[in-house]
C-alpha cells in the first residue's frame, strides 16, 4: 500500500474555505438577510449525501434539498461564515476565480464529489457552463497544484478539465483521498484508486 501524501484530504483538517471546490464546479452562492449560502445541484443522490457530510465536517450546518427538476441539492444554511469566501469568488454579479488560487486537497475532493467522473482511462472535473470566464483560470489553478489538465467541451453544455496520464491521475488520487463509503461513489472516483492505495473498488463501496 502506498503511503498517503501529507497533502491529502484524508489528513487535512476540514475548513470552510474548502467549499471553493463547489464553486470551482457548478456550485452557486446566494446572499440572504441572514448571510451567504452555497448550494450545488447534482445528478446522483450519493453525491449530495457525500457533499453534505463534508460540509458538516467543517462545522457548517448543511442539508439536502431538491431542485425544481427533482435533482438533489446539497447546500449550507445561510450564515456569515461564508461571506468572505464568496466575496473572493465574485466579481460584480459574476463568479470569478481568485487570483493565485490553488485548490486545497479537500477543495479538490469536493470538486470530485460534485462533478468528477471517469472518461475511459482519463478523468473529468466538471466546470460551470454558466461561468465560462472561470474555465481557463481554473485550469491554471489545477496546474499550480501539480496536475496539468486539458480544457474540453467549452462549446457545449458540459465543459470540463480532463486529466490524463498515470502521474497526474496518481497525484489527483493522493490529493482527494478515499472515496466515501456510499454506494455508487467508487465507480465515479478517479481511476486506479485500488491500485494506488491497495483497496479494490468493491471494498471501497462498503
Protein backbone atom coordinates (compact mmCIF):
# COMPACT_ATOMS: atom_id res chain seq x y z
CA UNK A 1 0.00 0.00 0.00
CA UNK A 2 1.33 3.40 -0.98
CA UNK A 3 1.55 5.83 1.92
CA UNK A 4 -0.89 8.72 1.74
CA UNK A 5 0.59 12.07 0.83
CA UNK A 6 0.93 14.64 3.59
CA UNK A 7 -1.15 16.83 1.26
CA UNK A 8 -4.28 14.69 1.21
CA UNK A 9 -7.95 15.16 2.01
CA UNK A 10 -7.60 12.13 4.29
CA UNK A 11 -5.26 14.02 6.63
CA UNK A 12 -6.17 17.70 6.06
CA UNK A 13 -8.35 19.39 8.67
CA UNK A 14 -11.69 20.47 7.13
CA UNK A 15 -12.18 24.24 6.87
CA UNK A 16 -14.92 26.37 5.32
CA UNK A 17 -12.51 27.69 2.65
CA UNK A 18 -12.60 24.19 1.11
CA UNK A 19 -16.08 24.97 -0.20
CA UNK A 20 -14.25 26.75 -3.02
CA UNK A 21 -14.24 23.30 -4.61
CA UNK A 22 -18.01 23.53 -5.09
CA UNK A 23 -17.66 26.96 -6.69
CA UNK A 24 -14.94 25.60 -8.98
CA UNK A 25 -17.56 23.13 -10.19
CA UNK A 26 -21.06 24.46 -10.86
CA UNK A 27 -21.88 25.49 -7.31
CA UNK A 28 -23.76 28.72 -6.74
CA UNK A 29 -23.80 31.28 -3.95
CA UNK A 30 -26.81 33.19 -2.65
CA UNK A 31 -26.92 36.23 -0.40
CA UNK A 32 -29.77 36.42 2.12
CA UNK A 33 -30.67 38.69 5.02
CA UNK A 34 -29.03 36.21 7.40
CA UNK A 35 -25.85 35.62 5.40
CA UNK A 36 -24.49 33.65 2.48
CA UNK A 37 -25.20 30.09 1.41
CA UNK A 38 -23.51 27.83 -1.13
CA UNK A 39 -25.51 25.19 -2.97
CA UNK A 40 -24.95 22.73 -5.77
CA UNK A 41 -27.41 20.58 -7.71
CA UNK A 42 -26.13 17.10 -8.56
CA UNK A 43 -27.44 14.25 -10.67
CA UNK A 44 -26.98 11.42 -8.18
CA UNK A 45 -28.19 11.19 -4.56
CA UNK A 46 -24.87 9.77 -3.32
CA UNK A 47 -23.11 12.96 -4.39
CA UNK A 48 -25.45 15.13 -2.32
CA UNK A 49 -25.06 12.81 0.68
CA UNK A 50 -21.26 12.85 0.45
CA UNK A 51 -21.08 16.62 -0.04
CA UNK A 52 -23.31 17.29 2.98
CA UNK A 53 -21.07 15.03 5.08
CA UNK A 54 -18.07 17.10 4.01
CA UNK A 55 -19.86 20.35 4.76
CA UNK A 56 -20.87 19.18 8.21
CA UNK A 57 -17.27 18.17 8.91
CA UNK A 58 -16.26 21.83 8.52
CA UNK A 59 -18.76 22.80 11.22
CA UNK A 60 -21.21 24.40 8.78
CA UNK A 61 -24.90 23.45 9.00
CA UNK A 62 -25.95 21.75 5.76
CA UNK A 63 -28.89 19.92 4.26
CA UNK A 64 -30.16 18.13 1.17
CA UNK A 65 -32.96 19.72 -0.83
CA UNK A 66 -34.39 19.26 -4.30
CA UNK A 67 -34.35 21.39 -7.43
CA UNK A 68 -37.40 22.22 -9.50
CA UNK A 69 -36.36 19.37 -11.83
CA UNK A 70 -36.23 16.96 -8.90
CA UNK A 71 -32.44 16.70 -8.69
CA UNK A 72 -30.84 16.60 -5.23
CA UNK A 73 -29.21 19.78 -3.97
CA UNK A 74 -26.53 19.90 -1.29
CA UNK A 75 -26.46 23.27 0.45
CA UNK A 76 -25.35 25.12 3.52
CA UNK A 77 -27.80 27.10 5.59
CA UNK A 78 -27.34 30.88 5.32
CA UNK A 79 -24.70 32.34 7.62
CA UNK A 80 -21.91 34.86 7.84
CA UNK A 81 -19.17 32.22 7.83
CA UNK A 82 -19.10 32.09 4.02
CA UNK A 83 -19.35 35.83 3.28
CA UNK A 84 -15.59 36.25 2.87
CA UNK A 85 -15.12 33.15 0.70
CA UNK A 86 -17.98 34.05 -1.63
CA UNK A 87 -16.73 37.63 -1.81
CA UNK A 88 -13.37 36.39 -3.09
CA UNK A 89 -15.15 34.26 -5.72
CA UNK A 90 -17.37 37.05 -7.01
CA UNK A 91 -16.69 39.94 -9.38
CA UNK A 92 -19.81 42.07 -9.53
CA UNK A 93 -22.57 39.53 -10.00
CA UNK A 94 -20.31 37.03 -11.81
CA UNK A 95 -18.40 34.05 -10.45
CA UNK A 96 -14.65 34.71 -10.65
CA UNK A 97 -11.64 32.62 -9.62
CA UNK A 98 -9.48 34.47 -7.05
CA UNK A 99 -6.06 35.45 -8.36
CA UNK A 100 -3.44 32.87 -7.45
CA UNK A 101 -5.95 30.35 -6.09
CA UNK A 102 -4.59 26.83 -5.53
CA UNK A 103 -7.17 24.16 -4.65
CA UNK A 104 -6.60 22.51 -1.29
CA UNK A 105 -6.90 18.70 -1.12
CA UNK A 106 -10.36 18.99 0.42
CA UNK A 107 -11.44 21.56 -2.16
CA UNK A 108 -10.38 19.08 -4.86
CA UNK A 109 -12.31 16.34 -3.06
CA UNK A 110 -15.47 18.45 -3.07
CA UNK A 111 -14.90 19.22 -6.76
CA UNK A 112 -14.67 15.48 -7.48
CA UNK A 113 -17.78 14.77 -5.39
CA UNK A 114 -19.72 17.49 -7.19
CA UNK A 115 -18.82 16.83 -10.81
CA UNK A 116 -16.00 14.32 -11.26
CA UNK A 117 -16.33 11.20 -13.38
CA UNK A 118 -14.13 8.82 -15.40
CA UNK A 119 -13.81 9.03 -19.16
CA UNK A 120 -12.07 5.89 -20.36
CA UNK A 121 -8.56 5.97 -18.90
CA UNK A 122 -8.88 9.69 -18.11
CA UNK A 123 -10.81 11.72 -15.54
CA UNK A 124 -13.02 14.78 -15.91
CA UNK A 125 -13.65 17.56 -13.42
CA UNK A 126 -16.81 19.38 -14.46
CA UNK A 127 -16.92 23.17 -14.81
CA UNK A 128 -19.75 25.68 -14.62
CA UNK A 129 -21.24 26.17 -18.11
CA UNK A 130 -22.71 29.48 -16.92
CA UNK A 131 -19.31 30.88 -15.89
CA UNK A 132 -17.10 30.47 -18.99
CA UNK A 133 -14.69 33.16 -17.76
CA UNK A 134 -13.74 30.84 -14.90
CA UNK A 135 -12.64 27.91 -17.07
CA UNK A 136 -9.13 29.00 -18.08
CA UNK A 137 -8.25 30.33 -14.58
CA UNK A 138 -9.38 27.02 -13.07
CA UNK A 139 -7.14 25.11 -15.49
CA UNK A 140 -4.26 27.31 -14.32
CA UNK A 141 -5.19 26.74 -10.67
CA UNK A 142 -5.06 22.98 -11.18
CA UNK A 143 -1.65 23.34 -12.81
CA UNK A 144 -0.46 25.15 -9.68
CA UNK A 145 -1.47 22.05 -7.73
CA UNK A 146 0.78 19.97 -9.97
CA UNK A 147 -1.98 18.48 -12.14
CA UNK A 148 -1.87 19.83 -15.69
CA UNK A 149 -5.32 19.39 -17.31
CA UNK A 150 -6.79 19.92 -20.76
CA UNK A 151 -9.84 22.16 -21.11
CA UNK A 152 -12.56 20.35 -23.08
CA UNK A 153 -16.21 20.79 -24.04
CA UNK A 154 -16.21 24.58 -23.90
CA UNK A 155 -18.55 24.84 -26.89
CA UNK A 156 -21.16 22.58 -25.31
CA UNK A 157 -23.13 22.28 -22.08
CA UNK A 158 -20.61 20.10 -20.23
CA UNK A 159 -17.24 21.88 -20.05
CA UNK A 160 -14.60 20.11 -18.02
CA UNK A 161 -10.94 19.79 -17.17
CA UNK A 162 -9.61 16.47 -18.47
CA UNK A 163 -6.81 14.80 -16.51
CA UNK A 164 -4.79 12.15 -18.30
CA UNK A 165 -1.61 10.20 -17.60
CA UNK A 166 -0.64 7.94 -14.74
CA UNK A 167 1.44 10.54 -12.91
CA UNK A 168 -1.30 13.21 -12.96
CA UNK A 169 -4.02 10.74 -12.02
CA UNK A 170 -1.96 9.40 -9.14
CA UNK A 171 -1.38 12.94 -7.88
CA UNK A 172 -5.12 13.63 -8.02
CA UNK A 173 -5.79 10.43 -6.09
CA UNK A 174 -3.26 11.34 -3.43
CA UNK A 175 -4.95 14.71 -3.02
CA UNK A 176 -8.60 13.62 -2.85
CA UNK A 177 -8.16 10.54 -0.65
CA UNK A 178 -10.52 7.60 -0.28
CA UNK A 179 -13.97 7.53 -1.87
CA UNK A 180 -16.87 7.97 0.55
CA UNK A 181 -18.44 4.76 1.81
CA UNK A 182 -21.66 5.32 -0.14
CA UNK A 183 -22.96 3.04 -2.88
CA UNK A 184 -22.10 4.49 -6.28
CA UNK A 185 -19.18 6.62 -5.17
CA UNK A 186 -16.36 4.21 -6.00
CA UNK A 187 -17.47 3.86 -9.64
CA UNK A 188 -17.24 7.64 -10.11
CA UNK A 189 -13.94 8.02 -8.26
CA UNK A 190 -10.69 8.73 -10.13
CA UNK A 191 -9.18 5.71 -11.85
CA UNK A 192 -6.61 3.49 -10.23
CA UNK A 193 -7.57 4.16 -6.62
CA UNK A 194 -7.45 0.47 -5.74
CA UNK A 195 -4.02 0.09 -7.39
CA UNK A 196 -2.54 3.16 -5.73
CA UNK A 197 -3.90 2.61 -2.23
CA UNK A 198 -4.31 -1.15 -2.04
CA UNK A 199 -8.12 -1.07 -1.96
CA UNK A 200 -10.36 -2.68 -4.50
CA UNK A 201 -13.43 -0.97 -5.88
CA UNK A 202 -15.78 -3.43 -4.19
CA UNK A 203 -14.42 -2.86 -0.68
CA UNK A 204 -14.50 0.90 -1.24
CA UNK A 205 -18.25 0.67 -1.69
CA UNK A 206 -18.82 -0.81 1.79
